[in-house]
Amino acid sequence: QVQLVESGGGLVQAGGSLRLSCVASEKISSITSMGWYRQAPGKQRELVAVITSTSATSYADFVKGRFTISRDNAKNAVYLQMDSLKPEDTAVYYCNVNLPFYNYWGRGTQVTVSS
């Protein structure tokens, strides 16, 4: 069973930066896209950013210009560079790997932004 392991979360002051990493435990074939989602307390999980197999990227409006998603196919990894963090970015961030008929999810990494 493939596992996705996220890292890089933590506590940071507003205006600071964090870089999240997500590494798959083994090679995954036929990936449609890789992405990051987040879920704040009392809220639904929401899409943050996604990168396709052709490296096209898409961002939620609330992170455009601040976050950058990238991937390393050789390492089975996807990254999220988060700059100019705001308190409202506080959430558990989840890695996702999307296949035509299946989704893999990581267990999440906590990001807390203090004001």
PDB file of N, CA and C in Angstrom:
ATOM      1  N   GLN A   1       0.843  -1.177   0.000  1.00  0.00           N
ATOM      2  CA  GLN A   1       0.000   0.000   0.000  1.00  0.00           C
ATOM      3  C   GLN A   1       0.894   1.248   0.000  1.00  0.00           C
ATOM      4  N   VAL A   2       0.641   2.113  -0.950  1.00  0.00           N
ATOM      5  CA  VAL A   2       1.426   3.343  -1.047  1.00  0.00           C
ATOM      6  C   VAL A   2       1.097   4.251   0.133  1.00  0.00           C
ATOM      7  N   GLN A   3       2.119   4.845   0.696  1.00  0.00           N
ATOM      8  CA  GLN A   3       1.930   5.828   1.756  1.00  0.00           C
ATOM      9  C   GLN A   3       2.508   7.156   1.320  1.00  0.00           C
ATOM     10  N   LEU A   4       1.802   8.237   1.679  1.00  0.00           N
ATOM     11  CA  LEU A   4       2.290   9.586   1.441  1.00  0.00           C
ATOM     12  C   LEU A   4       2.666  10.178   2.781  1.00  0.00           C
ATOM     13  N   VAL A   5       3.879  10.677   2.877  1.00  0.00           N
ATOM     14  CA  VAL A   5       4.365  11.223   4.143  1.00  0.00           C
ATOM     15  C   VAL A   5       4.662  12.704   3.964  1.00  0.00           C
ATOM     16  N   GLU A   6       3.924  13.527   4.695  1.00  0.00           N
ATOM     17  CA  GLU A   6       4.130  14.977   4.649  1.00  0.00           C
ATOM     18  C   GLU A   6       5.096  15.407   5.747  1.00  0.00           C
ATOM     19  N   SER A   7       5.792  16.486   5.496  1.00  0.00           N
ATOM     20  CA  SER A   7       6.663  17.084   6.505  1.00  0.00           C
ATOM     21  C   SER A   7       6.803  18.565   6.203  1.00  0.00           C
ATOM     22  N   GLY A   8       7.363  19.292   7.180  1.00  0.00           N
ATOM     23  CA  GLY A   8       7.641  20.704   6.965  1.00  0.00           C
ATOM     24  C   GLY A   8       6.683  21.654   7.644  1.00  0.00           C
ATOM     25  N   GLY A   9       5.636  21.125   8.252  1.00  0.00           N
ATOM     26  CA  GLY A   9       4.719  21.995   8.968  1.00  0.00           C
ATOM     27  C   GLY A   9       5.338  22.525  10.246  1.00  0.00           C
ATOM     28  N   GLY A  10       4.633  23.446  10.889  1.00  0.00           N
ATOM     29  CA  GLY A  10       5.135  23.988  12.135  1.00  0.00           C
ATOM     30  C   GLY A  10       4.468  25.292  12.486  1.00  0.00           C
ATOM     31  N   LEU A  11       5.075  25.995  13.432  1.00  0.00           N
ATOM     32  CA  LEU A  11       4.582  27.285  13.894  1.00  0.00           C
ATOM     33  C   LEU A  11       5.445  28.392  13.310  1.00  0.00           C
ATOM     34  N   VAL A  12       4.798  29.383  12.734  1.00  0.00           N
ATOM     35  CA  VAL A  12       5.530  30.494  12.126  1.00  0.00           C
ATOM     36  C   VAL A  12       4.747  31.783  12.363  1.00  0.00           C
ATOM     37  N   GLN A  13       5.444  32.890  12.414  1.00  0.00           N
ATOM     38  CA  GLN A  13       4.780  34.176  12.572  1.00  0.00           C
ATOM     39  C   GLN A  13       4.216  34.649  11.235  1.00  0.00           C
ATOM     40  N   ALA A  14       3.202  35.478  11.313  1.00  0.00           N
ATOM     41  CA  ALA A  14       2.621  36.051  10.103  1.00  0.00           C
ATOM     42  C   ALA A  14       3.712  36.733   9.282  1.00  0.00           C
ATOM     43  N   GLY A  15       3.657  36.517   7.981  1.00  0.00           N
ATOM     44  CA  GLY A  15       4.678  37.049   7.084  1.00  0.00           C
ATOM     45  C   GLY A  15       5.828  36.096   6.825  1.00  0.00           C
ATOM     46  N   GLY A  16       5.890  35.031   7.588  1.00  0.00           N
ATOM     47  CA  GLY A  16       6.960  34.058   7.441  1.00  0.00           C
ATOM     48  C   GLY A  16       6.697  33.047   6.345  1.00  0.00           C
ATOM     49  N   SER A  17       7.610  32.073   6.259  1.00  0.00           N
ATOM     50  CA  SER A  17       7.546  31.069   5.199  1.00  0.00           C
ATOM     51  C   SER A  17       7.718  29.659   5.765  1.00  0.00           C
ATOM     52  N   LEU A  18       7.133  28.713   5.065  1.00  0.00           N
ATOM     53  CA  LEU A  18       7.333  27.294   5.332  1.00  0.00           C
ATOM     54  C   LEU A  18       7.354  26.558   3.995  1.00  0.00           C
ATOM     55  N   ARG A  19       8.031  25.430   3.969  1.00  0.00           N
ATOM     56  CA  ARG A  19       8.034  24.579   2.773  1.00  0.00           C
ATOM     57  C   ARG A  19       7.578  23.186   3.173  1.00  0.00           C
ATOM     58  N   LEU A  20       6.460  22.773   2.627  1.00  0.00           N
ATOM     59  CA  LEU A  20       5.929  21.445   2.881  1.00  0.00           C
ATOM     60  C   LEU A  20       6.448  20.471   1.839  1.00  0.00           C
ATOM     61  N   SER A  21       6.706  19.262   2.287  1.00  0.00           N
ATOM     62  CA  SER A  21       7.142  18.192   1.393  1.00  0.00           C
ATOM     63  C   SER A  21       6.220  16.992   1.553  1.00  0.00           C
ATOM     64  N   CYS A  22       6.047  16.277   0.486  1.00  0.00           N
ATOM     65  CA  CYS A  22       5.257  15.044   0.513  1.00  0.00           C
ATOM     66  C   CYS A  22       5.973  14.028  -0.367  1.00  0.00           C
ATOM     67  N   VAL A  23       6.322  12.907   0.224  1.00  0.00           N
ATOM     68  CA  VAL A  23       7.050  11.867  -0.497  1.00  0.00           C
ATOM     69  C   VAL A  23       6.253  10.572  -0.463  1.00  0.00           C
ATOM     70  N   ALA A  24       6.120   9.948  -1.619  1.00  0.00           N
ATOM     71  CA  ALA A  24       5.440   8.653  -1.698  1.00  0.00           C
ATOM     72  C   ALA A  24       6.421   7.534  -1.368  1.00  0.00           C
ATOM     73  N   SER A  25       5.892   6.483  -0.752  1.00  0.00           N
ATOM     74  CA  SER A  25       6.748   5.385  -0.296  1.00  0.00           C
ATOM     75  C   SER A  25       7.244   4.522  -1.452  1.00  0.00           C
ATOM     76  N   GLU A  26       6.601   4.642  -2.606  1.00  0.00           N
ATOM     77  CA  GLU A  26       7.028   3.886  -3.772  1.00  0.00           C
ATOM     78  C   GLU A  26       6.566   4.612  -5.025  1.00  0.00           C
ATOM     79  N   LYS A  27       7.085   4.157  -6.142  1.00  0.00           N
ATOM     80  CA  LYS A  27       6.732   4.761  -7.417  1.00  0.00           C
ATOM     81  C   LYS A  27       5.249   4.577  -7.687  1.00  0.00           C
ATOM     82  N   ILE A  28       4.605   5.654  -8.135  1.00  0.00           N
ATOM     83  CA  ILE A  28       3.179   5.597  -8.473  1.00  0.00           C
ATOM     84  C   ILE A  28       3.043   5.867  -9.960  1.00  0.00           C
ATOM     85  N   SER A  29       2.364   4.971 -10.652  1.00  0.00           N
ATOM     86  CA  SER A  29       2.185   5.131 -12.090  1.00  0.00           C
ATOM     87  C   SER A  29       0.845   5.795 -12.398  1.00  0.00           C
ATOM     88  N   SER A  30       0.758   6.373 -13.566  1.00  0.00           N
ATOM     89  CA  SER A  30      -0.488   6.942 -14.083  1.00  0.00           C
ATOM     90  C   SER A  30      -1.047   8.062 -13.213  1.00  0.00           C
ATOM     91  N   ILE A  31      -0.158   8.878 -12.674  1.00  0.00           N
ATOM     92  CA  ILE A  31      -0.616  10.001 -11.852  1.00  0.00           C
ATOM     93  C   ILE A  31      -1.265  11.054 -12.746  1.00  0.00           C
ATOM     94  N   THR A  32      -2.452  11.458 -12.385  1.00  0.00           N
ATOM     95  CA  THR A  32      -3.136  12.540 -13.091  1.00  0.00           C
ATOM     96  C   THR A  32      -2.649  13.888 -12.563  1.00  0.00           C
ATOM     97  N   SER A  33      -2.628  13.987 -11.244  1.00  0.00           N
ATOM     98  CA  SER A  33      -2.173  15.227 -10.634  1.00  0.00           C
ATOM     99  C   SER A  33      -1.737  14.960  -9.206  1.00  0.00           C
ATOM    100  N   MET A  34      -0.993  15.908  -8.666  1.00  0.00           N
ATOM    101  CA  MET A  34      -0.595  15.891  -7.265  1.00  0.00           C
ATOM    102  C   MET A  34      -0.988  17.242  -6.694  1.00  0.00           C
ATOM    103  N   GLY A  35      -1.386  17.246  -5.434  1.00  0.00           N
ATOM    104  CA  GLY A  35      -1.846  18.519  -4.900  1.00  0.00           C
ATOM    105  C   GLY A  35      -1.794  18.600  -3.394  1.00  0.00           C
ATOM    106  N   TRP A  36      -2.136  19.778  -2.940  1.00  0.00           N
ATOM    107  CA  TRP A  36      -2.219  20.060  -1.512  1.00  0.00           C
ATOM    108  C   TRP A  36      -3.610  20.591  -1.180  1.00  0.00           C
ATOM    109  N   TYR A  37      -4.157  20.071  -0.100  1.00  0.00           N
ATOM    110  CA  TYR A  37      -5.429  20.531   0.436  1.00  0.00           C
ATOM    111  C   TYR A  37      -5.197  20.963   1.872  1.00  0.00           C
ATOM    112  N   ARG A  38      -6.165  21.675   2.416  1.00  0.00           N
ATOM    113  CA  ARG A  38      -6.038  22.035   3.825  1.00  0.00           C
ATOM    114  C   ARG A  38      -7.411  22.007   4.488  1.00  0.00           C
ATOM    115  N   GLN A  39      -7.381  21.819   5.792  1.00  0.00           N
ATOM    116  CA  GLN A  39      -8.617  21.808   6.560  1.00  0.00           C
ATOM    117  C   GLN A  39      -8.383  22.511   7.888  1.00  0.00           C
ATOM    118  N   ALA A  40      -9.102  23.592   8.085  1.00  0.00           N
ATOM    119  CA  ALA A  40      -9.041  24.334   9.332  1.00  0.00           C
ATOM    120  C   ALA A  40     -10.132  23.804  10.264  1.00  0.00           C
ATOM    121  N   PRO A  41      -9.975  24.012  11.557  1.00  0.00           N
ATOM    122  CA  PRO A  41     -10.976  23.517  12.516  1.00  0.00           C
ATOM    123  C   PRO A  41     -12.370  24.034  12.187  1.00  0.00           C
ATOM    124  N   GLY A  42     -13.326  23.125  12.137  1.00  0.00           N
ATOM    125  CA  GLY A  42     -14.700  23.504  11.876  1.00  0.00           C
ATOM    126  C   GLY A  42     -15.028  23.800  10.430  1.00  0.00           C
ATOM    127  N   LYS A  43     -14.061  23.614   9.550  1.00  0.00           N
ATOM    128  CA  LYS A  43     -14.276  23.911   8.130  1.00  0.00           C
ATOM    129  C   LYS A  43     -14.056  22.664   7.280  1.00  0.00           C
ATOM    130  N   GLN A  44     -14.571  22.721   6.055  1.00  0.00           N
ATOM    131  CA  GLN A  44     -14.364  21.617   5.128  1.00  0.00           C
ATOM    132  C   GLN A  44     -12.962  21.663   4.531  1.00  0.00           C
ATOM    133  N   ARG A  45     -12.511  20.508   4.100  1.00  0.00           N
ATOM    134  CA  ARG A  45     -11.220  20.444   3.413  1.00  0.00           C
ATOM    135  C   ARG A  45     -11.343  21.189   2.085  1.00  0.00           C
ATOM    136  N   GLU A  46     -10.319  21.968   1.758  1.00  0.00           N
ATOM    137  CA  GLU A  46     -10.351  22.762   0.535  1.00  0.00           C
ATOM    138  C   GLU A  46      -9.044  22.624  -0.235  1.00  0.00           C
ATOM    139  N   LEU A  47      -9.170  22.760  -1.543  1.00  0.00           N
ATOM    140  CA  LEU A  47      -8.004  22.666  -2.410  1.00  0.00           C
ATOM    141  C   LEU A  47      -7.141  23.920  -2.258  1.00  0.00           C
ATOM    142  N   VAL A  48      -5.840  23.704  -2.155  1.00  0.00           N
ATOM    143  CA  VAL A  48      -4.887  24.807  -2.083  1.00  0.00           C
ATOM    144  C   VAL A  48      -4.180  24.982  -3.424  1.00  0.00           C
ATOM    145  N   ALA A  49      -3.602  23.897  -3.924  1.00  0.00           N
ATOM    146  CA  ALA A  49      -2.851  23.970  -5.178  1.00  0.00           C
ATOM    147  C   ALA A  49      -2.750  22.581  -5.775  1.00  0.00           C
ATOM    148  N   VAL A  50      -2.636  22.528  -7.088  1.00  0.00           N
ATOM    149  CA  VAL A  50      -2.507  21.246  -7.778  1.00  0.00           C
ATOM    150  C   VAL A  50      -1.528  21.397  -8.934  1.00  0.00           C
ATOM    151  N   ILE A  51      -0.802  20.318  -9.218  1.00  0.00           N
ATOM    152  CA  ILE A  51       0.118  20.292 -10.349  1.00  0.00           C
ATOM    153  C   ILE A  51      -0.149  19.008 -11.128  1.00  0.00           C
ATOM    154  N   THR A  52      -0.298  19.137 -12.430  1.00  0.00           N
ATOM    155  CA  THR A  52      -0.667  17.993 -13.257  1.00  0.00           C
ATOM    156  C   THR A  52       0.570  17.219 -13.712  1.00  0.00           C
ATOM    157  N   SER A  53       0.309  16.151 -14.445  1.00  0.00           N
ATOM    158  CA  SER A  53       1.393  15.324 -14.964  1.00  0.00           C
ATOM    159  C   SER A  53       2.244  16.088 -15.985  1.00  0.00           C
ATOM    160  N   THR A  54       1.684  17.131 -16.560  1.00  0.00           N
ATOM    161  CA  THR A  54       2.435  17.969 -17.504  1.00  0.00           C
ATOM    162  C   THR A  54       2.987  19.225 -16.834  1.00  0.00           C
ATOM    163  N   SER A  55       2.903  19.258 -15.494  1.00  0.00           N
ATOM    164  CA  SER A  55       3.418  20.358 -14.673  1.00  0.00           C
ATOM    165  C   SER A  55       2.632  21.649 -14.802  1.00  0.00           C
ATOM    166  N   ALA A  56       1.416  21.550 -15.294  1.00  0.00           N
ATOM    167  CA  ALA A  56       0.530  22.717 -15.228  1.00  0.00           C
ATOM    168  C   ALA A  56       0.085  22.887 -13.782  1.00  0.00           C
ATOM    169  N   THR A  57      -0.002  24.133 -13.352  1.00  0.00           N
ATOM    170  CA  THR A  57      -0.361  24.386 -11.959  1.00  0.00           C
ATOM    171  C   THR A  57      -1.639  25.210 -11.861  1.00  0.00           C
ATOM    172  N   SER A  58      -2.307  25.034 -10.715  1.00  0.00           N
ATOM    173  CA  SER A  58      -3.510  25.789 -10.435  1.00  0.00           C
ATOM    174  C   SER A  58      -3.559  26.062  -8.942  1.00  0.00           C
ATOM    175  N   TYR A  59      -4.014  27.270  -8.593  1.00  0.00           N
ATOM    176  CA  TYR A  59      -4.015  27.690  -7.202  1.00  0.00           C
ATOM    177  C   TYR A  59      -5.387  28.224  -6.794  1.00  0.00           C
ATOM    178  N   ALA A  60      -5.713  28.018  -5.537  1.00  0.00           N
ATOM    179  CA  ALA A  60      -6.887  28.677  -4.990  1.00  0.00           C
ATOM    180  C   ALA A  60      -6.616  30.176  -4.938  1.00  0.00           C
ATOM    181  N   ASP A  61      -7.661  30.948  -5.097  1.00  0.00           N
ATOM    182  CA  ASP A  61      -7.482  32.412  -5.118  1.00  0.00           C
ATOM    183  C   ASP A  61      -6.815  32.928  -3.849  1.00  0.00           C
ATOM    184  N   PHE A  62      -7.095  32.284  -2.730  1.00  0.00           N
ATOM    185  CA  PHE A  62      -6.597  32.831  -1.464  1.00  0.00           C
ATOM    186  C   PHE A  62      -5.094  32.582  -1.262  1.00  0.00           C
ATOM    187  N   VAL A  63      -4.441  31.841  -2.154  1.00  0.00           N
ATOM    188  CA  VAL A  63      -2.993  31.640  -2.022  1.00  0.00           C
ATOM    189  C   VAL A  63      -2.218  32.113  -3.250  1.00  0.00           C
ATOM    190  N   LYS A  64      -2.909  32.571  -4.265  1.00  0.00           N
ATOM    191  CA  LYS A  64      -2.225  33.014  -5.479  1.00  0.00           C
ATOM    192  C   LYS A  64      -1.228  34.118  -5.170  1.00  0.00           C
ATOM    193  N   GLY A  65      -0.034  33.954  -5.715  1.00  0.00           N
ATOM    194  CA  GLY A  65       1.018  34.935  -5.499  1.00  0.00           C
ATOM    195  C   GLY A  65       1.804  34.725  -4.219  1.00  0.00           C
ATOM    196  N   ARG A  66       1.350  33.802  -3.368  1.00  0.00           N
ATOM    197  CA  ARG A  66       2.046  33.556  -2.100  1.00  0.00           C
ATOM    198  C   ARG A  66       2.598  32.133  -2.017  1.00  0.00           C
ATOM    199  N   PHE A  67       1.895  31.169  -2.585  1.00  0.00           N
ATOM    200  CA  PHE A  67       2.291  29.762  -2.514  1.00  0.00           C
ATOM    201  C   PHE A  67       2.744  29.284  -3.888  1.00  0.00           C
ATOM    202  N   THR A  68       3.680  28.337  -3.883  1.00  0.00           N
ATOM    203  CA  THR A  68       4.160  27.743  -5.132  1.00  0.00           C
ATOM    204  C   THR A  68       4.238  26.233  -4.976  1.00  0.00           C
ATOM    205  N   ILE A  69       3.596  25.525  -5.888  1.00  0.00           N
ATOM    206  CA  ILE A  69       3.642  24.064  -5.870  1.00  0.00           C
ATOM    207  C   ILE A  69       4.646  23.580  -6.908  1.00  0.00           C
ATOM    208  N   SER A  70       5.353  22.513  -6.573  1.00  0.00           N
ATOM    209  CA  SER A  70       6.305  21.917  -7.508  1.00  0.00           C
ATOM    210  C   SER A  70       6.361  20.407  -7.248  1.00  0.00           C
ATOM    211  N   ARG A  71       6.983  19.700  -8.180  1.00  0.00           N
ATOM    212  CA  ARG A  71       7.075  18.253  -8.018  1.00  0.00           C
ATOM    213  C   ARG A  71       8.415  17.757  -8.516  1.00  0.00           C
ATOM    214  N   ASP A  72       8.812  16.596  -8.005  1.00  0.00           N
ATOM    215  CA  ASP A  72      10.038  15.939  -8.425  1.00  0.00           C
ATOM    216  C   ASP A  72       9.657  14.497  -8.721  1.00  0.00           C
ATOM    217  N   ASN A  73       9.492  14.180  -9.978  1.00  0.00           N
ATOM    218  CA  ASN A  73       9.035  12.843 -10.354  1.00  0.00           C
ATOM    219  C   ASN A  73      10.041  11.771  -9.954  1.00  0.00           C
ATOM    220  N   ALA A  74      11.303  12.091 -10.033  1.00  0.00           N
ATOM    221  CA  ALA A  74      12.336  11.104  -9.693  1.00  0.00           C
ATOM    222  C   ALA A  74      12.253  10.711  -8.226  1.00  0.00           C
ATOM    223  N   LYS A  75      11.813  11.647  -7.388  1.00  0.00           N
ATOM    224  CA  LYS A  75      11.724  11.377  -5.949  1.00  0.00           C
ATOM    225  C   LYS A  75      10.297  11.058  -5.499  1.00  0.00           C
ATOM    226  N   ASN A  76       9.391  10.979  -6.458  1.00  0.00           N
ATOM    227  CA  ASN A  76       7.970  10.741  -6.111  1.00  0.00           C
ATOM    228  C   ASN A  76       7.497  11.754  -5.075  1.00  0.00           C
ATOM    229  N   ALA A  77       7.810  13.008  -5.300  1.00  0.00           N
ATOM    230  CA  ALA A  77       7.560  14.026  -4.290  1.00  0.00           C
ATOM    231  C   ALA A  77       6.831  15.239  -4.866  1.00  0.00           C
ATOM    232  N   VAL A  78       6.098  15.905  -3.997  1.00  0.00           N
ATOM    233  CA  VAL A  78       5.472  17.174  -4.334  1.00  0.00           C
ATOM    234  C   VAL A  78       5.724  18.126  -3.175  1.00  0.00           C
ATOM    235  N   TYR A  79       5.903  19.391  -3.514  1.00  0.00           N
ATOM    236  CA  TYR A  79       6.285  20.384  -2.519  1.00  0.00           C
ATOM    237  C   TYR A  79       5.329  21.575  -2.565  1.00  0.00           C
ATOM    238  N   LEU A  80       5.242  22.284  -1.451  1.00  0.00           N
ATOM    239  CA  LEU A  80       4.461  23.516  -1.405  1.00  0.00           C
ATOM    240  C   LEU A  80       5.280  24.557  -0.656  1.00  0.00           C
ATOM    241  N   GLN A  81       5.757  25.547  -1.392  1.00  0.00           N
ATOM    242  CA  GLN A  81       6.460  26.680  -0.792  1.00  0.00           C
ATOM    243  C   GLN A  81       5.423  27.716  -0.413  1.00  0.00           C
ATOM    244  N   MET A  82       5.380  28.062   0.860  1.00  0.00           N
ATOM    245  CA  MET A  82       4.374  28.991   1.366  1.00  0.00           C
ATOM    246  C   MET A  82       5.077  30.236   1.898  1.00  0.00           C
ATOM    247  N   ASP A  83       4.842  31.345   1.264  1.00  0.00           N
ATOM    248  CA  ASP A  83       5.430  32.623   1.666  1.00  0.00           C
ATOM    249  C   ASP A  83       4.326  33.588   2.098  1.00  0.00           C
ATOM    250  N   SER A  84       4.730  34.637   2.790  1.00  0.00           N
ATOM    251  CA  SER A  84       3.774  35.666   3.249  1.00  0.00           C
ATOM    252  C   SER A  84       2.585  35.030   3.953  1.00  0.00           C
ATOM    253  N   LEU A  85       2.883  34.134   4.856  1.00  0.00           N
ATOM    254  CA  LEU A  85       1.821  33.400   5.540  1.00  0.00           C
ATOM    255  C   LEU A  85       0.967  34.323   6.402  1.00  0.00           C
ATOM    256  N   LYS A  86      -0.312  33.970   6.473  1.00  0.00           N
ATOM    257  CA  LYS A  86      -1.285  34.734   7.237  1.00  0.00           C
ATOM    258  C   LYS A  86      -1.903  33.845   8.312  1.00  0.00           C
ATOM    259  N   PRO A  87      -2.421  34.415   9.383  1.00  0.00           N
ATOM    260  CA  PRO A  87      -3.079  33.588  10.411  1.00  0.00           C
ATOM    261  C   PRO A  87      -4.190  32.715   9.836  1.00  0.00           C
ATOM    262  N   GLU A  88      -4.872  33.194   8.822  1.00  0.00           N
ATOM    263  CA  GLU A  88      -5.959  32.409   8.234  1.00  0.00           C
ATOM    264  C   GLU A  88      -5.453  31.218   7.413  1.00  0.00           C
ATOM    265  N   ASP A  89      -4.150  31.104   7.244  1.00  0.00           N
ATOM    266  CA  ASP A  89      -3.576  29.920   6.593  1.00  0.00           C
ATOM    267  C   ASP A  89      -3.419  28.760   7.571  1.00  0.00           C
ATOM    268  N   THR A  90      -3.687  29.006   8.841  1.00  0.00           N
ATOM    269  CA  THR A  90      -3.584  27.955   9.848  1.00  0.00           C
ATOM    270  C   THR A  90      -4.546  26.820   9.538  1.00  0.00           C
ATOM    271  N   ALA A  91      -3.996  25.614   9.429  1.00  0.00           N
ATOM    272  CA  ALA A  91      -4.797  24.435   9.061  1.00  0.00           C
ATOM    273  C   ALA A  91      -3.898  23.204   9.072  1.00  0.00           C
ATOM    274  N   VAL A  92      -4.534  22.062   8.936  1.00  0.00           N
ATOM    275  CA  VAL A  92      -3.794  20.835   8.637  1.00  0.00           C
ATOM    276  C   VAL A  92      -3.723  20.721   7.117  1.00  0.00           C
ATOM    277  N   TYR A  93      -2.539  20.546   6.601  1.00  0.00           N
ATOM    278  CA  TYR A  93      -2.309  20.472   5.158  1.00  0.00           C
ATOM    279  C   TYR A  93      -2.100  19.013   4.759  1.00  0.00           C
ATOM    280  N   TYR A  94      -2.850  18.602   3.738  1.00  0.00           N
ATOM    281  CA  TYR A  94      -2.830  17.222   3.277  1.00  0.00           C
ATOM    282  C   TYR A  94      -2.292  17.135   1.852  1.00  0.00           C
ATOM    283  N   CYS A  95      -1.478  16.151   1.636  1.00  0.00           N
ATOM    284  CA  CYS A  95      -0.969  15.847   0.305  1.00  0.00           C
ATOM    285  C   CYS A  95      -1.939  14.891  -0.391  1.00  0.00           C
ATOM    286  N   ASN A  96      -2.115  15.073  -1.684  1.00  0.00           N
ATOM    287  CA  ASN A  96      -3.009  14.214  -2.463  1.00  0.00           C
ATOM    288  C   ASN A  96      -2.338  13.805  -3.760  1.00  0.00           C
ATOM    289  N   VAL A  97      -2.491  12.539  -4.106  1.00  0.00           N
ATOM    290  CA  VAL A  97      -2.063  12.043  -5.412  1.00  0.00           C
ATOM    291  C   VAL A  97      -3.290  11.465  -6.096  1.00  0.00           C
ATOM    292  N   ASN A  98      -3.615  12.033  -7.240  1.00  0.00           N
ATOM    293  CA  ASN A  98      -4.835  11.653  -7.949  1.00  0.00           C
ATOM    294  C   ASN A  98      -4.522  10.749  -9.130  1.00  0.00           C
ATOM    295  N   LEU A  99      -5.180   9.594  -9.158  1.00  0.00           N
ATOM    296  CA  LEU A  99      -5.078   8.665 -10.275  1.00  0.00           C
ATOM    297  C   LEU A  99      -6.442   8.609 -10.964  1.00  0.00           C
ATOM    298  N   PRO A 100      -6.514   8.016 -12.151  1.00  0.00           N
ATOM    299  CA  PRO A 100      -7.810   7.974 -12.846  1.00  0.00           C
ATOM    300  C   PRO A 100      -8.954   7.395 -12.008  1.00  0.00           C
ATOM    301  N   PHE A 101      -8.668   6.402 -11.166  1.00  0.00           N
ATOM    302  CA  PHE A 101      -9.755   5.757 -10.416  1.00  0.00           C
ATOM    303  C   PHE A 101      -9.453   5.644  -8.930  1.00  0.00           C
ATOM    304  N   TYR A 102      -8.496   6.426  -8.447  1.00  0.00           N
ATOM    305  CA  TYR A 102      -8.140   6.312  -7.035  1.00  0.00           C
ATOM    306  C   TYR A 102      -7.439   7.576  -6.577  1.00  0.00           C
ATOM    307  N   ASN A 103      -7.559   7.856  -5.276  1.00  0.00           N
ATOM    308  CA  ASN A 103      -6.851   8.964  -4.655  1.00  0.00           C
ATOM    309  C   ASN A 103      -6.050   8.465  -3.467  1.00  0.00           C
ATOM    310  N   TYR A 104      -4.816   8.928  -3.372  1.00  0.00           N
ATOM    311  CA  TYR A 104      -4.025   8.682  -2.171  1.00  0.00           C
ATOM    312  C   TYR A 104      -3.985   9.961  -1.355  1.00  0.00           C
ATOM    313  N   TRP A 105      -4.041   9.793  -0.033  1.00  0.00           N
ATOM    314  CA  TRP A 105      -3.967  10.932   0.876  1.00  0.00           C
ATOM    315  C   TRP A 105      -2.898  10.708   1.935  1.00  0.00           C
ATOM    316  N   GLY A 106      -2.203  11.772   2.281  1.00  0.00           N
ATOM    317  CA  GLY A 106      -1.322  11.714   3.415  1.00  0.00           C
ATOM    318  C   GLY A 106      -2.111  11.937   4.702  1.00  0.00           C
ATOM    319  N   ARG A 107      -1.415  11.843   5.823  1.00  0.00           N
ATOM    320  CA  ARG A 107      -2.077  12.006   7.111  1.00  0.00           C
ATOM    321  C   ARG A 107      -2.150  13.458   7.546  1.00  0.00           C
ATOM    322  N   GLY A 108      -1.436  14.310   6.866  1.00  0.00           N
ATOM    323  CA  GLY A 108      -1.513  15.730   7.170  1.00  0.00           C
ATOM    324  C   GLY A 108      -0.372  16.241   8.026  1.00  0.00           C
ATOM    325  N   THR A 109      -0.097  17.528   7.861  1.00  0.00           N
ATOM    326  CA  THR A 109       0.901  18.203   8.676  1.00  0.00           C
ATOM    327  C   THR A 109       0.320  19.538   9.121  1.00  0.00           C
ATOM    328  N   GLN A 110       0.476  19.855  10.388  1.00  0.00           N
ATOM    329  CA  GLN A 110      -0.125  21.061  10.964  1.00  0.00           C
ATOM    330  C   GLN A 110       0.714  22.292  10.630  1.00  0.00           C
ATOM    331  N   VAL A 111       0.034  23.314  10.145  1.00  0.00           N
ATOM    332  CA  VAL A 111       0.647  24.624   9.931  1.00  0.00           C
ATOM    333  C   VAL A 111      -0.098  25.631  10.797  1.00  0.00           C
ATOM    334  N   THR A 112       0.640  26.323  11.649  1.00  0.00           N
ATOM    335  CA  THR A 112       0.041  27.321  12.524  1.00  0.00           C
ATOM    336  C   THR A 112       0.758  28.650  12.316  1.00  0.00           C
ATOM    337  N   VAL A 113      -0.015  29.677  11.996  1.00  0.00           N
ATOM    338  CA  VAL A 113       0.541  30.999  11.749  1.00  0.00           C
ATOM    339  C   VAL A 113       0.040  31.943  12.844  1.00  0.00           C
ATOM    340  N   SER A 114       0.961  32.481  13.604  1.00  0.00           N
ATOM    341  CA  SER A 114       0.595  33.383  14.687  1.00  0.00           C
ATOM    342  C   SER A 114       0.606  34.840  14.209  1.00  0.00           C
ATOM    343  N   SER A 115      -0.255  35.629  14.812  1.00  0.00           N
ATOM    344  CA  SER A 115      -0.357  37.045  14.412  1.00  0.00           C
ATOM    345  C   SER A 115       0.586  37.916  15.222  1.00  0.00           C
TER     346      SER A 115
END
